[in-house]
Amino acid sequence: MIRHTLLLTIAIAQVPAINGQKAPLSFEVASIKPVVFAPNQFAFGTPSRESRIQISGNRVTVQGLLAGLVMAAYQLRTFELAGTPEWRNASGRHEIYVIEAKAPGEIAPTMNEARQMLQTLLAERFQLKFHRETKDLPAYSLTLRNNQSKLKPNTPDVESKTVHVGRLRTIYSNVSMSELVLQVASQFDRPLFDKTGLTGGYDFTLEYMPSLAGTVSLSPEQSEAFDKLYPPGEAPPLTVALERQLGLRLVASKERVDILMIDHVERPSAN
């Protein structure tokens, strides 16, 4: 069972507008709980994965490593964030935080509003300070193999949808190439960019072996469990699946990327 310690309950007041400037959105109240796992427990997750923001009414919950919280707040991918410290607790595990907050009023905030409130919380409680810069980074470009794809165009008025079937197979309906890139980008060690030139939505099925290289705190026993879950040969690697199943291929490239560089951040205090 997961135990929580050091409950930090923080009342965050709305800051009035100053000199006509609109005050940043902030939670009405928020608590930050470092998660403590028992010795025989573990959690799956990666420092490169954006934390998931959950909204239920005016309640907002988000859990993850510091990097995941920052990526969630600013809608970043792994390569767009740099300078994140690797915090570990006394037992050597990565520090995971649970944030439970209440938005002002009784109406559920939009996802964009929740992200802005999380930005304010990170600045006030984690003392997050950063700057932005642009760098040339090694990347991958998703292109058409032989200038042809195997994708079936969908009609414009159909809702975009992704359906996971089983462990490795995903059915996409009216999904654009930019959406596909966002969903599979975490499987690569470099930024991934859509260079297919394809517009509109497509229907297709993609089945591949997911990459697990970034899993946090993976013991030999956990690695063995993953091998049983995804036996070799059950599905091809993603690069092979993209080419064989969709007619898309990856090409090594170099791209200019805007990066959020962390200058200063602190563990949240109890005051």
Protein backbone atom coordinates (compact mmCIF):
# COMPACT_ATOMS: atom_id res chain seq x y z
CA MET A 1 0.00 0.00 0.00
CA ILE A 2 1.29 3.48 -0.84
CA ARG A 3 1.85 5.72 2.16
CA HIS A 4 2.03 9.51 1.98
CA THR A 5 4.08 11.66 4.31
CA LEU A 6 4.76 15.36 4.79
CA LEU A 7 1.34 16.65 3.78
CA LEU A 8 1.72 20.19 2.55
CA THR A 9 -1.57 22.06 2.49
CA ILE A 10 -1.24 25.42 0.82
CA ALA A 11 -3.87 28.08 0.51
CA ILE A 12 -3.08 30.05 -2.62
CA ALA A 13 -4.88 33.36 -2.90
CA GLN A 14 -5.78 34.91 -6.19
CA VAL A 15 -3.33 37.74 -6.81
CA PRO A 16 -5.04 40.98 -7.81
CA ALA A 17 -4.22 42.58 -11.12
CA ILE A 18 -1.31 45.03 -10.96
CA ASN A 19 -0.98 48.03 -13.30
CA GLY A 20 -3.74 46.64 -15.46
CA GLN A 21 -1.95 43.31 -15.95
CA LYS A 22 -4.14 40.23 -15.59
CA ALA A 23 -3.16 38.15 -12.56
CA PRO A 24 -1.97 34.58 -13.26
CA LEU A 25 -4.50 31.84 -12.61
CA SER A 26 -3.91 29.93 -9.39
CA PHE A 27 -5.54 27.19 -7.34
CA GLU A 28 -7.77 28.22 -4.46
CA VAL A 29 -6.16 25.56 -2.29
CA ALA A 30 -3.60 22.82 -3.00
CA SER A 31 -1.77 20.04 -1.19
CA ILE A 32 1.55 18.48 -2.19
CA LYS A 33 2.33 14.96 -0.96
CA PRO A 34 5.67 13.24 -1.54
CA VAL A 35 4.93 9.58 -2.21
CA VAL A 36 6.70 6.98 -0.06
CA PHE A 37 6.77 3.39 -1.30
CA ALA A 38 7.25 0.33 0.85
CA PRO A 39 10.48 -1.65 0.19
CA ASN A 40 8.66 -4.28 -1.89
CA GLN A 41 6.77 -1.74 -4.01
CA PHE A 42 7.67 -0.07 -7.26
CA ALA A 43 6.07 2.28 -9.75
CA PHE A 44 6.31 2.35 -13.51
CA GLY A 45 7.08 5.69 -15.04
CA THR A 46 9.81 7.60 -16.83
CA PRO A 47 11.41 10.99 -16.22
CA SER A 48 10.61 11.70 -19.87
CA ARG A 49 6.87 11.21 -19.54
CA GLU A 50 4.48 14.13 -19.06
CA SER A 51 2.37 13.80 -15.91
CA ARG A 52 -1.35 13.36 -16.47
CA ILE A 53 -3.62 16.17 -15.26
CA GLN A 54 -6.97 14.84 -14.04
CA ILE A 55 -9.96 17.16 -13.67
CA SER A 56 -13.10 16.15 -11.74
CA GLY A 57 -15.45 19.06 -11.19
CA ASN A 58 -13.35 21.84 -9.69
CA ARG A 59 -10.81 19.32 -8.35
CA VAL A 60 -7.48 18.91 -10.12
CA THR A 61 -5.03 16.08 -9.45
CA VAL A 62 -1.61 15.49 -10.98
CA GLN A 63 1.13 13.05 -9.97
CA GLY A 64 4.69 12.55 -11.14
CA LEU A 65 8.36 13.35 -11.01
CA LEU A 66 9.42 16.99 -11.15
CA ALA A 67 10.16 16.75 -14.87
CA GLY A 68 6.72 15.26 -15.54
CA LEU A 69 5.01 18.05 -13.59
CA VAL A 70 6.87 20.74 -15.54
CA MET A 71 6.13 19.05 -18.87
CA ALA A 72 2.45 18.82 -17.94
CA ALA A 73 2.28 22.48 -16.94
CA TYR A 74 3.97 23.78 -20.10
CA GLN A 75 2.98 21.04 -22.60
CA LEU A 76 6.56 20.02 -23.29
CA ARG A 77 8.11 16.94 -24.78
CA THR A 78 11.26 15.39 -23.29
CA PHE A 79 13.72 17.19 -25.54
CA GLU A 80 12.04 20.56 -24.86
CA LEU A 81 13.06 20.52 -21.17
CA ALA A 82 16.59 20.75 -19.75
CA GLY A 83 18.28 21.32 -16.41
CA THR A 84 15.86 19.23 -14.31
CA PRO A 85 17.52 17.91 -11.14
CA GLU A 86 17.20 14.19 -10.47
CA TRP A 87 15.74 14.21 -6.97
CA ARG A 88 15.89 10.98 -4.98
CA ASN A 89 14.64 10.19 -1.49
CA ALA A 90 16.54 8.52 1.36
CA SER A 91 15.92 5.06 -0.08
CA GLY A 92 17.37 6.05 -3.46
CA ARG A 93 14.05 6.16 -5.32
CA HIS A 94 13.03 8.99 -7.61
CA GLU A 95 10.88 11.50 -5.75
CA ILE A 96 7.26 11.43 -6.90
CA TYR A 97 4.75 14.09 -5.87
CA VAL A 98 0.96 14.03 -5.76
CA ILE A 99 -0.72 17.42 -6.15
CA GLU A 100 -4.39 17.64 -5.17
CA ALA A 101 -5.93 21.05 -5.72
CA LYS A 102 -9.20 22.94 -5.94
CA ALA A 103 -9.81 25.51 -8.63
CA PRO A 104 -11.65 28.74 -7.75
CA GLY A 105 -15.43 28.59 -8.05
CA GLU A 106 -17.64 25.57 -8.63
CA ILE A 107 -17.15 25.16 -12.39
CA ALA A 108 -14.59 22.69 -13.71
CA PRO A 109 -11.56 24.45 -15.20
CA THR A 110 -10.51 23.76 -18.75
CA MET A 111 -7.30 21.79 -19.31
CA ASN A 112 -5.57 25.00 -20.39
CA GLU A 113 -6.66 26.74 -17.17
CA ALA A 114 -5.49 23.78 -15.08
CA ARG A 115 -2.09 23.97 -16.78
CA GLN A 116 -1.82 27.69 -15.98
CA MET A 117 -2.71 27.03 -12.33
CA LEU A 118 -0.05 24.32 -12.20
CA GLN A 119 2.47 26.79 -13.62
CA THR A 120 1.65 29.22 -10.79
CA LEU A 121 1.98 26.46 -8.18
CA LEU A 122 5.38 25.39 -9.53
CA ALA A 123 6.60 29.00 -9.39
CA GLU A 124 5.29 29.62 -5.86
CA ARG A 125 5.83 26.29 -4.11
CA PHE A 126 8.78 24.82 -6.03
CA GLN A 127 10.40 28.23 -6.67
CA LEU A 128 10.69 27.25 -10.35
CA LYS A 129 12.63 29.74 -12.48
CA PHE A 130 13.63 29.18 -16.09
CA HIS A 131 14.52 30.76 -19.38
CA ARG A 132 13.96 29.68 -22.98
CA GLU A 133 16.58 29.15 -25.66
CA THR A 134 16.87 27.55 -29.08
CA LYS A 135 19.26 24.73 -29.95
CA ASP A 136 20.10 22.61 -32.98
CA LEU A 137 19.47 19.00 -31.93
CA PRO A 138 19.80 15.62 -33.62
CA ALA A 139 16.29 14.53 -34.58
CA TYR A 140 14.23 12.12 -36.63
CA SER A 141 11.95 13.14 -39.48
CA LEU A 142 8.90 11.03 -40.27
CA THR A 143 8.74 10.83 -44.06
CA LEU A 144 6.97 8.89 -46.82
CA ARG A 145 8.64 5.72 -48.05
CA ASN A 146 9.04 5.97 -51.84
CA ASN A 147 6.72 9.01 -51.70
CA GLN A 148 3.76 6.73 -50.99
CA SER A 149 1.88 5.82 -47.82
CA LYS A 150 -0.48 2.99 -46.93
CA LEU A 151 -2.79 5.31 -45.02
CA LYS A 152 -6.52 5.56 -45.72
CA PRO A 153 -7.83 9.15 -45.60
CA ASN A 154 -10.89 9.77 -43.44
CA THR A 155 -13.76 12.17 -43.99
CA PRO A 156 -13.21 15.58 -42.32
CA ASP A 157 -16.35 15.47 -40.16
CA VAL A 158 -15.42 12.26 -38.27
CA GLU A 159 -14.22 12.64 -34.70
CA SER A 160 -10.53 11.94 -34.12
CA LYS A 161 -10.18 8.80 -32.02
CA THR A 162 -7.52 6.42 -30.69
CA VAL A 163 -8.52 2.98 -29.42
CA HIS A 164 -6.07 0.62 -27.70
CA VAL A 165 -6.80 -3.04 -28.40
CA GLY A 166 -4.88 -5.51 -26.28
CA ARG A 167 -1.29 -4.76 -25.25
CA LEU A 168 0.36 -3.65 -28.46
CA ARG A 169 -2.27 -2.86 -31.08
CA THR A 170 -3.79 0.60 -31.53
CA ILE A 171 -6.59 1.57 -33.91
CA TYR A 172 -6.57 5.21 -35.06
CA SER A 173 -9.58 6.96 -36.59
CA ASN A 174 -9.26 10.32 -38.36
CA VAL A 175 -5.85 10.98 -36.78
CA SER A 176 -3.42 13.45 -38.35
CA MET A 177 0.29 12.77 -38.76
CA SER A 178 1.10 15.50 -36.23
CA GLU A 179 -1.12 13.70 -33.68
CA LEU A 180 0.60 10.40 -34.43
CA VAL A 181 4.00 12.03 -33.89
CA LEU A 182 2.89 13.36 -30.49
CA GLN A 183 1.68 9.91 -29.42
CA VAL A 184 4.77 7.93 -30.41
CA ALA A 185 7.52 10.54 -29.86
CA SER A 186 8.31 9.20 -26.37
CA GLN A 187 9.47 5.94 -27.96
CA PHE A 188 12.52 7.63 -29.50
CA ASP A 189 15.77 8.98 -28.09
CA ARG A 190 15.56 12.07 -30.32
CA PRO A 191 12.90 14.65 -31.18
CA LEU A 192 10.47 13.42 -33.84
CA PHE A 193 9.05 15.75 -36.50
CA ASP A 194 6.33 15.25 -39.08
CA LYS A 195 7.85 15.74 -42.54
CA THR A 196 5.38 13.58 -44.45
CA GLY A 197 3.54 16.49 -46.05
CA LEU A 198 0.28 14.63 -45.37
CA THR A 199 -2.67 16.74 -44.24
CA GLY A 200 -6.06 15.76 -42.83
CA GLY A 201 -7.00 12.68 -40.81
CA TYR A 202 -6.36 9.00 -41.53
CA ASP A 203 -7.65 5.59 -40.43
CA PHE A 204 -5.01 3.00 -39.64
CA THR A 205 -3.90 0.31 -37.21
CA LEU A 206 -0.42 0.24 -35.68
CA GLU A 207 1.05 -2.72 -33.84
CA TYR A 208 4.57 -2.56 -32.43
CA MET A 209 6.85 -3.44 -29.53
CA PRO A 210 6.99 -0.45 -27.12
CA SER A 211 10.33 0.84 -25.93
CA LEU A 212 10.88 0.44 -22.19
CA ALA A 213 14.40 1.81 -21.96
CA GLY A 214 13.46 4.81 -19.81
CA THR A 215 11.55 2.96 -17.11
CA VAL A 216 12.42 4.28 -13.65
CA SER A 217 13.84 2.01 -10.93
CA LEU A 218 13.42 -1.20 -12.91
CA SER A 219 14.80 -4.17 -10.96
CA PRO A 220 15.86 -7.48 -12.59
CA GLU A 221 12.58 -8.99 -11.38
CA GLN A 222 10.59 -6.19 -12.98
CA SER A 223 12.58 -6.53 -16.22
CA GLU A 224 11.70 -10.22 -16.28
CA ALA A 225 8.02 -9.33 -15.78
CA PHE A 226 8.19 -6.95 -18.76
CA ASP A 227 9.82 -9.67 -20.90
CA LYS A 228 6.85 -11.93 -20.16
CA LEU A 229 4.38 -9.14 -20.93
CA TYR A 230 6.05 -8.30 -24.24
CA PRO A 231 7.78 -11.48 -25.50
CA PRO A 232 10.36 -10.96 -28.28
CA GLY A 233 8.93 -11.44 -31.75
CA GLU A 234 5.33 -10.73 -30.74
CA ALA A 235 5.36 -7.40 -32.53
CA PRO A 236 7.99 -5.48 -34.54
CA PRO A 237 9.88 -2.41 -33.27
CA LEU A 238 8.10 0.86 -33.92
CA THR A 239 10.41 1.93 -36.75
CA VAL A 240 9.73 -1.34 -38.59
CA ALA A 241 5.97 -1.13 -37.92
CA LEU A 242 5.76 2.42 -39.27
CA GLU A 243 7.45 1.41 -42.51
CA ARG A 244 5.77 -1.95 -43.11
CA GLN A 245 2.28 -1.12 -41.86
CA LEU A 246 1.92 2.57 -42.78
CA GLY A 247 4.52 3.18 -45.48
CA LEU A 248 6.33 5.73 -43.31
CA ARG A 249 10.02 5.81 -42.50
CA LEU A 250 12.35 7.66 -40.13
CA VAL A 251 15.27 9.70 -41.42
CA ALA A 252 18.00 11.14 -39.20
CA SER A 253 18.02 14.93 -39.33
CA LYS A 254 18.89 18.05 -37.33
CA GLU A 255 16.23 20.53 -36.23
CA ARG A 256 16.10 23.81 -34.30
CA VAL A 257 14.21 23.20 -31.06
CA ASP A 258 12.88 25.67 -28.48
CA ILE A 259 13.94 24.51 -25.01
CA LEU A 260 12.77 25.44 -21.52
CA MET A 261 15.95 25.56 -19.42
CA ILE A 262 15.47 25.33 -15.64
CA ASP A 263 17.64 27.85 -13.78
CA HIS A 264 16.42 27.17 -10.24
CA VAL A 265 13.99 24.85 -8.46
CA GLU A 266 13.53 23.69 -4.88
CA ARG A 267 11.69 20.92 -3.09
CA PRO A 268 8.38 22.33 -1.84
CA SER A 269 8.52 23.69 1.70
CA ALA A 270 6.00 23.02 4.47
CA ASN A 271 5.30 26.68 5.30
